Amino acid sequence: MPIEVRRFGAGHRRREGPPGTTGLTGQVIHSDARGLISELAFGGNGRITPHSNPNTTWFCVIEGGGFVEVGDERLRVGPGDAVLWPAGVPHGAWTDGTTMRVIIVELAGADDAHLRGILEGRARRLLPSEAGRVAKGEGRLAPRTRAIRRDPTAGEPD
């Protein structure tokens, strides 16, 4: 089976966003019944007007920076920030003279983590027949070989 590649970024974008959106282009990378993944590029004064939708969405900044709002809160964001836009809560984003690239991950339907046994801070209880099979883990993190410095113009660690 050949490797599937989806192109996005400059040259592959089109105008995106809810009504009232300005200075923004994007490209859907994947979309199906489970959700949507897309890349958005904000121009120097790009704006997604406040709106809400029925799906939980992650707004992941990969380059540049700007601002987001969720409900009544506003926050400056930059590379490496992932902001949760809860379902049904008004949210928006904008830039103020800078550019910003983001990956949007929109998840359809209700959170089903509890059905899959994925609960924060909760592990599966061992059955009596499984007792003694799992040894206590011992160890530590490997020492850091070099300090990580951030280049604010590149948006990535060097």
C-alpha atoms as a PDB file:
ATOM      1  CA  MET A   1       0.000   0.000   0.000  1.00  0.00           C
ATOM      2  CA  PRO A   2       1.495   3.396  -0.963  1.00  0.00           C
ATOM      3  CA  ILE A   3       2.063   6.091   1.641  1.00  0.00           C
ATOM      4  CA  GLU A   4      -0.719   8.670   1.616  1.00  0.00           C
ATOM      5  CA  VAL A   5       0.430  12.306   1.699  1.00  0.00           C
ATOM      6  CA  ARG A   6      -1.824  15.340   2.099  1.00  0.00           C
ATOM      7  CA  ARG A   7      -0.384  18.658   1.018  1.00  0.00           C
ATOM      8  CA  PHE A   8      -1.008  21.801   3.082  1.00  0.00           C
ATOM      9  CA  GLY A   9       0.723  25.096   3.719  1.00  0.00           C
ATOM     10  CA  ALA A  10       1.529  27.873   1.263  1.00  0.00           C
ATOM     11  CA  GLY A  11       0.100  27.196  -2.188  1.00  0.00           C
ATOM     12  CA  HIS A  12      -2.548  24.775  -0.932  1.00  0.00           C
ATOM     13  CA  ARG A  13      -4.758  27.045   1.180  1.00  0.00           C
ATOM     14  CA  ARG A  14      -8.121  28.666   0.474  1.00  0.00           C
ATOM     15  CA  ARG A  15     -10.241  31.180   2.368  1.00  0.00           C
ATOM     16  CA  GLU A  16     -11.561  29.577   5.577  1.00  0.00           C
ATOM     17  CA  GLY A  17     -13.595  30.322   8.667  1.00  0.00           C
ATOM     18  CA  PRO A  18     -17.069  31.133   9.925  1.00  0.00           C
ATOM     19  CA  PRO A  19     -18.936  34.224   8.678  1.00  0.00           C
ATOM     20  CA  GLY A  20     -17.064  37.443   9.527  1.00  0.00           C
ATOM     21  CA  THR A  21     -13.627  35.790   9.333  1.00  0.00           C
ATOM     22  CA  THR A  22     -10.960  37.985   7.700  1.00  0.00           C
ATOM     23  CA  GLY A  23      -7.284  37.648   6.762  1.00  0.00           C
ATOM     24  CA  LEU A  24      -7.263  33.860   7.061  1.00  0.00           C
ATOM     25  CA  THR A  25      -6.571  30.967   4.698  1.00  0.00           C
ATOM     26  CA  GLY A  26      -6.523  27.258   5.423  1.00  0.00           C
ATOM     27  CA  GLN A  27      -6.487  23.710   4.155  1.00  0.00           C
ATOM     28  CA  VAL A  28      -8.334  20.659   5.445  1.00  0.00           C
ATOM     29  CA  ILE A  29      -5.848  17.831   6.008  1.00  0.00           C
ATOM     30  CA  HIS A  30      -8.361  15.161   7.086  1.00  0.00           C
ATOM     31  CA  SER A  31     -12.097  14.983   7.661  1.00  0.00           C
ATOM     32  CA  ASP A  32     -14.377  12.067   8.534  1.00  0.00           C
ATOM     33  CA  ALA A  33     -17.118  11.171  11.033  1.00  0.00           C
ATOM     34  CA  ARG A  34     -14.577  11.238  13.896  1.00  0.00           C
ATOM     35  CA  GLY A  35     -13.445  14.801  13.299  1.00  0.00           C
ATOM     36  CA  LEU A  36     -11.481  17.288  11.258  1.00  0.00           C
ATOM     37  CA  ILE A  37      -7.806  18.302  11.093  1.00  0.00           C
ATOM     38  CA  SER A  38      -6.836  21.468   9.258  1.00  0.00           C
ATOM     39  CA  GLU A  39      -4.082  24.051   8.990  1.00  0.00           C
ATOM     40  CA  LEU A  40      -4.910  27.767   9.216  1.00  0.00           C
ATOM     41  CA  ALA A  41      -2.707  30.746   8.378  1.00  0.00           C
ATOM     42  CA  PHE A  42      -3.561  34.125   9.884  1.00  0.00           C
ATOM     43  CA  GLY A  43      -2.337  37.252   8.115  1.00  0.00           C
ATOM     44  CA  GLY A  44      -1.088  40.317   9.988  1.00  0.00           C
ATOM     45  CA  ASN A  45      -4.589  41.279  11.107  1.00  0.00           C
ATOM     46  CA  GLY A  46      -6.391  37.969  10.653  1.00  0.00           C
ATOM     47  CA  ARG A  47      -9.482  37.190  12.712  1.00  0.00           C
ATOM     48  CA  ILE A  48     -11.850  34.320  13.420  1.00  0.00           C
ATOM     49  CA  THR A  49     -14.911  36.072  14.792  1.00  0.00           C
ATOM     50  CA  PRO A  50     -16.297  34.675  18.053  1.00  0.00           C
ATOM     51  CA  HIS A  51     -18.617  31.751  17.385  1.00  0.00           C
ATOM     52  CA  SER A  52     -19.424  28.362  18.884  1.00  0.00           C
ATOM     53  CA  ASN A  53     -19.881  24.896  17.477  1.00  0.00           C
ATOM     54  CA  PRO A  54     -21.058  21.533  18.841  1.00  0.00           C
ATOM     55  CA  ASN A  55     -17.597  19.925  18.735  1.00  0.00           C
ATOM     56  CA  THR A  56     -14.604  20.056  21.057  1.00  0.00           C
ATOM     57  CA  THR A  57     -11.700  21.726  19.235  1.00  0.00           C
ATOM     58  CA  TRP A  58      -7.965  22.063  19.891  1.00  0.00           C
ATOM     59  CA  PHE A  59      -6.311  25.208  18.496  1.00  0.00           C
ATOM     60  CA  CYS A  60      -2.576  24.329  18.256  1.00  0.00           C
ATOM     61  CA  VAL A  61      -0.169  27.177  17.432  1.00  0.00           C
ATOM     62  CA  ILE A  62       2.812  25.981  15.377  1.00  0.00           C
ATOM     63  CA  GLU A  63       4.299  29.281  14.207  1.00  0.00           C
ATOM     64  CA  GLY A  64       4.001  32.989  14.994  1.00  0.00           C
ATOM     65  CA  GLY A  65       1.517  34.172  17.566  1.00  0.00           C
ATOM     66  CA  GLY A  66      -1.642  36.027  18.344  1.00  0.00           C
ATOM     67  CA  PHE A  67      -4.594  35.928  20.689  1.00  0.00           C
ATOM     68  CA  VAL A  68      -7.483  33.591  21.520  1.00  0.00           C
ATOM     69  CA  GLU A  69     -10.670  34.040  23.447  1.00  0.00           C
ATOM     70  CA  VAL A  70     -12.823  31.395  25.064  1.00  0.00           C
ATOM     71  CA  GLY A  71     -16.001  32.684  26.680  1.00  0.00           C
ATOM     72  CA  ASP A  72     -15.002  35.893  28.495  1.00  0.00           C
ATOM     73  CA  GLU A  73     -11.270  35.049  28.760  1.00  0.00           C
ATOM     74  CA  ARG A  74      -8.569  36.341  26.411  1.00  0.00           C
ATOM     75  CA  LEU A  75      -5.001  35.091  26.180  1.00  0.00           C
ATOM     76  CA  ARG A  76      -1.839  35.690  24.102  1.00  0.00           C
ATOM     77  CA  VAL A  77      -0.610  32.466  22.427  1.00  0.00           C
ATOM     78  CA  GLY A  78       2.566  31.382  20.659  1.00  0.00           C
ATOM     79  CA  PRO A  79       4.284  28.309  19.189  1.00  0.00           C
ATOM     80  CA  GLY A  80       3.667  25.205  21.250  1.00  0.00           C
ATOM     81  CA  ASP A  81       0.425  26.451  22.823  1.00  0.00           C
ATOM     82  CA  ALA A  82      -2.646  24.242  22.386  1.00  0.00           C
ATOM     83  CA  VAL A  83      -5.889  25.906  23.469  1.00  0.00           C
ATOM     84  CA  LEU A  84      -9.075  23.954  24.152  1.00  0.00           C
ATOM     85  CA  TRP A  85     -12.241  25.356  22.598  1.00  0.00           C
ATOM     86  CA  PRO A  86     -15.005  23.450  24.443  1.00  0.00           C
ATOM     87  CA  ALA A  87     -18.160  22.461  22.573  1.00  0.00           C
ATOM     88  CA  GLY A  88     -20.913  25.067  22.790  1.00  0.00           C
ATOM     89  CA  VAL A  89     -18.649  27.818  24.223  1.00  0.00           C
ATOM     90  CA  PRO A  90     -18.052  30.960  22.115  1.00  0.00           C
ATOM     91  CA  HIS A  91     -14.430  31.206  20.966  1.00  0.00           C
ATOM     92  CA  GLY A  92     -12.308  33.173  18.504  1.00  0.00           C
ATOM     93  CA  ALA A  93      -8.741  34.055  17.547  1.00  0.00           C
ATOM     94  CA  TRP A  94      -6.881  36.963  15.977  1.00  0.00           C
ATOM     95  CA  THR A  95      -3.519  38.486  15.215  1.00  0.00           C
ATOM     96  CA  ASP A  96      -2.473  42.071  15.793  1.00  0.00           C
ATOM     97  CA  GLY A  97       0.091  42.875  13.120  1.00  0.00           C
ATOM     98  CA  THR A  98       1.833  39.471  13.296  1.00  0.00           C
ATOM     99  CA  THR A  99       1.196  36.210  11.475  1.00  0.00           C
ATOM    100  CA  MET A 100       0.231  32.883  13.023  1.00  0.00           C
ATOM    101  CA  ARG A 101      -0.076  29.298  11.763  1.00  0.00           C
ATOM    102  CA  VAL A 102      -2.194  26.767  13.626  1.00  0.00           C
ATOM    103  CA  ILE A 103      -3.338  23.186  13.359  1.00  0.00           C
ATOM    104  CA  ILE A 104      -7.014  22.754  14.250  1.00  0.00           C
ATOM    105  CA  VAL A 105      -8.173  19.381  15.578  1.00  0.00           C
ATOM    106  CA  GLU A 106     -11.962  19.261  15.824  1.00  0.00           C
ATOM    107  CA  LEU A 107     -13.383  16.180  17.536  1.00  0.00           C
ATOM    108  CA  ALA A 108     -16.926  15.145  16.640  1.00  0.00           C
ATOM    109  CA  GLY A 109     -19.348  13.902  19.269  1.00  0.00           C
ATOM    110  CA  ALA A 110     -19.088  13.591  23.009  1.00  0.00           C
ATOM    111  CA  ASP A 111     -15.889  12.703  24.867  1.00  0.00           C
ATOM    112  CA  ASP A 112     -15.782   8.899  25.033  1.00  0.00           C
ATOM    113  CA  ALA A 113     -12.592   8.507  27.098  1.00  0.00           C
ATOM    114  CA  HIS A 114     -14.540   6.938  29.970  1.00  0.00           C
ATOM    115  CA  LEU A 115     -15.757   4.199  27.621  1.00  0.00           C
ATOM    116  CA  ARG A 116     -12.203   3.332  26.594  1.00  0.00           C
ATOM    117  CA  GLY A 117     -10.818   3.248  30.145  1.00  0.00           C
ATOM    118  CA  ILE A 118      -8.810   6.441  29.603  1.00  0.00           C
ATOM    119  CA  LEU A 119      -9.429   8.463  32.732  1.00  0.00           C
ATOM    120  CA  GLU A 120      -6.932  10.891  34.133  1.00  0.00           C
ATOM    121  CA  GLY A 121      -5.351   9.491  37.306  1.00  0.00           C
ATOM    122  CA  ARG A 122      -7.132   6.139  37.159  1.00  0.00           C
ATOM    123  CA  ALA A 123      -5.524   2.799  36.330  1.00  0.00           C
ATOM    124  CA  ARG A 124      -7.111  -0.553  35.626  1.00  0.00           C
ATOM    125  CA  ARG A 125      -7.485  -2.686  38.757  1.00  0.00           C
ATOM    126  CA  LEU A 126      -5.654  -6.024  38.554  1.00  0.00           C
ATOM    127  CA  LEU A 127      -7.728  -9.169  38.884  1.00  0.00           C
ATOM    128  CA  PRO A 128      -6.718 -11.608  41.652  1.00  0.00           C
ATOM    129  CA  SER A 129      -5.394 -13.985  38.972  1.00  0.00           C
ATOM    130  CA  GLU A 130      -3.056 -11.228  37.719  1.00  0.00           C
ATOM    131  CA  ALA A 131      -1.470 -10.484  41.112  1.00  0.00           C
ATOM    132  CA  GLY A 132       2.317 -10.825  41.080  1.00  0.00           C
ATOM    133  CA  ARG A 133       2.628 -10.457  37.293  1.00  0.00           C
ATOM    134  CA  VAL A 134       3.446  -6.767  37.407  1.00  0.00           C
ATOM    135  CA  ALA A 135       6.598  -5.656  39.220  1.00  0.00           C
ATOM    136  CA  LYS A 136       7.001  -2.141  40.531  1.00  0.00           C
ATOM    137  CA  GLY A 137       8.820  -0.005  37.995  1.00  0.00           C
ATOM    138  CA  GLU A 138      12.128   1.502  39.046  1.00  0.00           C
ATOM    139  CA  GLY A 139      14.273   4.017  37.267  1.00  0.00           C
ATOM    140  CA  ARG A 140      14.659   7.671  36.424  1.00  0.00           C
ATOM    141  CA  LEU A 141      14.654   9.996  33.445  1.00  0.00           C
ATOM    142  CA  ALA A 142      17.810  10.077  31.361  1.00  0.00           C
ATOM    143  CA  PRO A 143      19.995  13.126  32.039  1.00  0.00           C
ATOM    144  CA  ARG A 144      19.626  15.977  29.578  1.00  0.00           C
ATOM    145  CA  THR A 145      22.621  16.076  27.246  1.00  0.00           C
ATOM    146  CA  ARG A 146      22.313  19.772  26.380  1.00  0.00           C
ATOM    147  CA  ALA A 147      20.196  22.725  27.316  1.00  0.00           C
ATOM    148  CA  ILE A 148      17.279  23.494  25.029  1.00  0.00           C
ATOM    149  CA  ARG A 149      17.140  27.104  23.899  1.00  0.00           C
ATOM    150  CA  ARG A 150      14.247  28.633  22.000  1.00  0.00           C
ATOM    151  CA  ASP A 151      14.725  30.895  19.021  1.00  0.00           C
ATOM    152  CA  PRO A 152      11.623  33.126  19.191  1.00  0.00           C
ATOM    153  CA  THR A 153      11.856  33.877  15.471  1.00  0.00           C
ATOM    154  CA  ALA A 154      11.871  30.214  14.415  1.00  0.00           C
ATOM    155  CA  GLY A 155       9.047  28.948  16.603  1.00  0.00           C
ATOM    156  CA  GLU A 156      10.882  25.704  17.352  1.00  0.00           C
ATOM    157  CA  PRO A 157      13.567  24.619  19.826  1.00  0.00           C
ATOM    158  CA  ASP A 158      17.068  24.630  18.301  1.00  0.00           C
END
